[in-house]
Every structure is written in C-alpha cells, then in structure tokens.
Protein backbone atom coordinates (compact mmCIF):
# COMPACT_ATOMS: atom_id res chain seq x y z
CA MET A 1 -5.77 -13.91 -25.59
CA ARG A 2 -8.19 -14.63 -22.52
CA ALA A 3 -5.98 -12.82 -20.05
CA THR A 4 -6.18 -9.78 -21.95
CA ARG A 5 -9.56 -9.68 -22.23
CA ILE A 6 -9.64 -10.40 -18.55
CA VAL A 7 -7.37 -7.40 -17.76
CA LEU A 8 -9.34 -5.11 -20.08
CA ALA A 9 -12.73 -5.59 -18.41
CA ALA A 10 -11.06 -5.34 -15.00
CA VAL A 11 -9.75 -1.67 -16.32
CA SER A 12 -13.02 -1.01 -17.79
CA ALA A 13 -14.62 -1.82 -14.44
CA LEU A 14 -12.44 0.28 -12.39
CA ALA A 15 -12.78 3.29 -14.68
CA LEU A 16 -16.62 3.15 -13.22
CA LEU A 17 -15.91 3.19 -9.68
CA PRO A 18 -16.25 6.70 -8.46
CA GLY A 19 -12.99 8.21 -7.73
CA VAL A 20 -11.46 5.71 -9.45
CA ALA A 21 -11.30 7.25 -12.82
CA SER A 22 -10.90 11.03 -13.48
CA ALA A 23 -9.83 13.79 -15.50
CA GLY A 24 -5.95 13.28 -16.30
CA ALA A 25 -6.51 9.22 -15.22
CA ASP A 26 -4.21 6.98 -16.87
CA VAL A 27 -6.79 4.00 -18.15
CA GLY A 28 -4.13 1.42 -17.86
CA THR A 29 -3.89 1.95 -14.17
CA GLY A 30 -6.58 3.93 -12.80
CA VAL A 31 -4.66 6.61 -10.90
CA ASP A 32 -5.33 10.38 -11.72
CA ASP A 33 -2.66 12.72 -12.19
CA ALA A 34 -3.24 14.23 -8.82
CA ALA A 35 -3.03 11.04 -6.99
CA ARG A 36 0.23 9.87 -8.87
CA ALA A 37 1.80 13.21 -8.04
CA ARG A 38 0.81 12.69 -4.01
CA LEU A 39 1.99 8.83 -4.41
CA VAL A 40 5.45 8.97 -5.81
CA GLY A 41 8.40 9.33 -4.02
CA THR A 42 10.07 8.13 -0.90
CA HIS A 43 7.51 7.78 2.28
CA THR A 44 7.84 6.76 5.78
CA LEU A 45 6.75 3.39 6.50
CA SER A 46 5.38 2.34 9.83
CA LEU A 47 4.28 -0.98 11.63
CA GLN A 48 3.25 -0.28 15.27
CA TRP A 49 4.82 -4.05 16.66
CA ILE A 50 8.48 -2.58 15.59
CA ASP A 51 8.57 1.28 15.94
CA TRP A 52 5.72 1.81 18.52
CA GLY A 53 4.76 5.40 16.93
CA ASP A 54 8.06 6.42 16.84
CA LEU A 55 8.62 7.86 13.68
CA ASP A 56 12.51 7.94 13.67
CA LYS A 57 12.61 4.47 14.06
CA ALA A 58 10.40 3.54 10.84
CA GLY A 59 11.17 2.52 7.58
CA SER A 60 10.71 3.70 4.20
CA VAL A 61 8.90 3.00 1.00
CA GLU A 62 9.39 3.76 -2.47
CA ILE A 63 6.46 4.14 -4.65
CA SER A 64 8.07 5.07 -8.27
CA GLU A 65 6.43 4.72 -11.71
CA ARG A 66 7.68 2.55 -14.29
CA GLY A 67 6.08 2.21 -17.71
CA GLY A 68 3.08 3.65 -16.12
CA ILE A 69 2.79 1.68 -13.41
CA LEU A 70 2.91 2.58 -9.58
CA VAL A 71 5.56 0.25 -8.23
CA VAL A 72 5.82 -0.33 -4.23
CA ASN A 73 9.08 -1.54 -2.58
CA GLY A 74 9.65 -0.42 0.77
CA SER A 75 10.48 -2.22 4.26
CA GLU A 76 10.76 -1.36 7.74
CA THR A 77 13.96 -2.92 10.22
CA LEU A 78 14.45 -3.00 13.79
CA GLY A 79 16.72 -5.76 15.38
CA ARG A 80 15.28 -9.09 14.04
CA GLN A 81 11.77 -7.26 13.41
CA ARG A 82 10.95 -6.40 9.90
CA LEU A 83 8.21 -5.24 7.66
CA ASP A 84 8.39 -5.58 4.04
CA ILE A 85 5.77 -4.46 0.92
CA GLN A 86 6.32 -4.81 -2.58
CA GLY A 87 3.74 -4.89 -5.36
CA HIS A 88 2.22 -1.93 -7.56
CA ILE A 89 -0.70 0.31 -7.32
CA VAL A 90 -3.88 -0.68 -9.40
CA SER A 91 -6.04 2.33 -8.69
CA ALA A 92 -6.15 6.05 -6.42
CA SER A 93 -8.16 8.56 -5.50
CA ALA A 94 -8.21 11.34 -3.16
CA ASP A 95 -8.63 9.53 0.03
CA GLY A 96 -6.32 6.23 -0.74
CA PHE A 97 -5.39 3.27 -3.48
CA VAL A 98 -5.91 -0.06 -4.26
CA PHE A 99 -2.46 -2.25 -3.66
CA GLU A 100 -1.18 -5.51 -5.03
CA GLY A 101 1.47 -7.53 -3.99
CA ALA A 102 2.69 -9.02 -0.71
CA ILE A 103 3.13 -7.32 2.66
CA THR A 104 5.43 -9.64 5.03
CA MET A 105 5.80 -8.92 8.46
CA GLN A 106 8.31 -10.73 11.31
CA VAL A 107 7.54 -9.52 14.70
CA ASP A 108 8.35 -11.50 18.26
CA SER A 109 4.73 -10.83 19.33
CA VAL A 110 3.07 -12.20 16.30
CA ALA A 111 2.94 -15.53 15.31
CA GLY A 112 5.89 -16.66 17.28
CA GLY A 113 8.29 -14.69 15.69
CA ALA A 114 7.64 -16.58 12.12
CA PRO A 115 6.87 -14.44 8.93
CA CYS A 116 3.31 -13.75 8.39
CA THR A 117 2.48 -12.53 4.56
CA ARG A 118 -0.68 -11.20 3.40
CA SER A 119 -0.66 -11.16 -0.60
CA GLY A 120 -3.31 -10.26 -3.10
CA THR A 121 -4.99 -7.11 -3.61
CA MET A 122 -5.21 -4.87 -0.30
CA HIS A 123 -6.67 -1.37 0.67
CA PHE A 124 -5.03 1.57 1.89
CA ARG A 125 -7.25 4.77 3.36
CA THR A 126 -7.05 8.04 4.42
CA THR A 127 -9.40 9.79 6.93
CA GLY A 128 -10.13 12.84 8.63
CA THR A 129 -7.07 14.92 9.07
CA ARG A 130 -4.88 11.63 8.97
CA LYS A 131 -1.32 12.50 7.18
CA TYR A 132 -0.81 8.76 6.15
CA TRP A 133 -2.66 5.73 4.26
CA ARG A 134 -3.68 3.03 6.47
CA LEU A 135 -3.87 -0.58 5.15
CA GLN A 136 -7.36 -1.57 5.94
CA GLU A 137 -7.25 -5.21 5.86
CA MET A 138 -5.84 -4.94 9.38
CA GLN A 139 -6.34 -8.63 10.82
CA SER A 140 -3.83 -10.18 10.91
CA PRO A 141 -3.63 -13.45 8.96
CA CYS A 142 -1.48 -15.53 11.55
CA GLY A 143 -3.41 -14.69 14.26
CA SER A 144 -6.04 -12.22 16.26
CA THR A 145 -3.91 -9.49 16.49
CA THR A 146 -4.75 -6.25 14.67
CA ASP A 147 -2.04 -4.87 12.52
CA TYR A 148 -1.64 -0.86 12.06
CA VAL A 149 0.43 -0.40 8.28
CA ASP A 150 0.74 2.85 7.60
CA ILE A 151 2.03 4.64 4.72
CA TYR A 152 3.25 8.15 5.62
CA PHE A 153 2.18 11.43 3.04
CA LEU A 154 5.18 12.77 1.29
CA GLY A 155 7.32 15.62 3.81
CA VAL A 156 5.69 14.15 6.96
C-alpha cells in the first residue's frame, strides 16, 4: 500500500513538470501522444566506442508499448564489444525522455574490456538540429571516459 502511494505521488509530481504532462498525456506514464508516436518503433542505437559514427555498424533498439508502458530493449554488437539497453520510459516531451533501467557496455577501451553498467533513472535529450536523443549521464561509471549513447529518430 505504501509503495502504491509513493508511485502515485511520483506520477502526480511528474504531471507538474513542464513538458511532461500535456494534452493527450497518459497520466500513468507522463508520455503525451506526440511523444509516444515519435518513440514507438525500431530506432538505430549507437555507442561511439563500437561504431565510431558509422551507422551501418550501429545496433537497434525497439521501443514498444505494453500495457500503457513504453518498454525499451536493444543492443549493438561488433565482435566482443557490446552495448545493451533495457528498461522503460517514465516520461517524455518534445526534447527528450526519462528512462529507467540499465545500460551495459563492454568495450575493449573502457574498464579493461569488463562489463560496465549504468542503472536507475537516466535522461535522453535532443538539441538543435540533432536527429537523435543522447544520454545525458555521459560520464562512464567505470572510468574517466565520456560515453555517447545515442538513440536516433525513426527513419534516420
């Protein structure tokens, strides 16, 4: 019962944030209809350490709606190097979304090639003329590198 009250309080608080709840918003997720239409589908997924900007080598991420929740599941693989993302979208607006879940990378040049996982609440944003959302928590939790995890808009 206490957990239910906490979730309801969190959803209520999200509704007060600019750009989170608007006309057509799903109160349970804080994702309005326009953001949902932009997010649902198969997107290109990129980590610079794996594809070095060559989107032909990039992976993919599927964002699907299940029971009113936008579920995120994807990967990028090149040889032993790998990026995995799994979780769900908590809220979304015209310039980005809030993701809860885990992002794990395993690349030779970071942490000696050991798996490195970020977990919890993370933010993806787009700015200017970019055609992708970029993870804002870019500092690697496993070293001093800056990691660019990008999810490209549909059709890019």
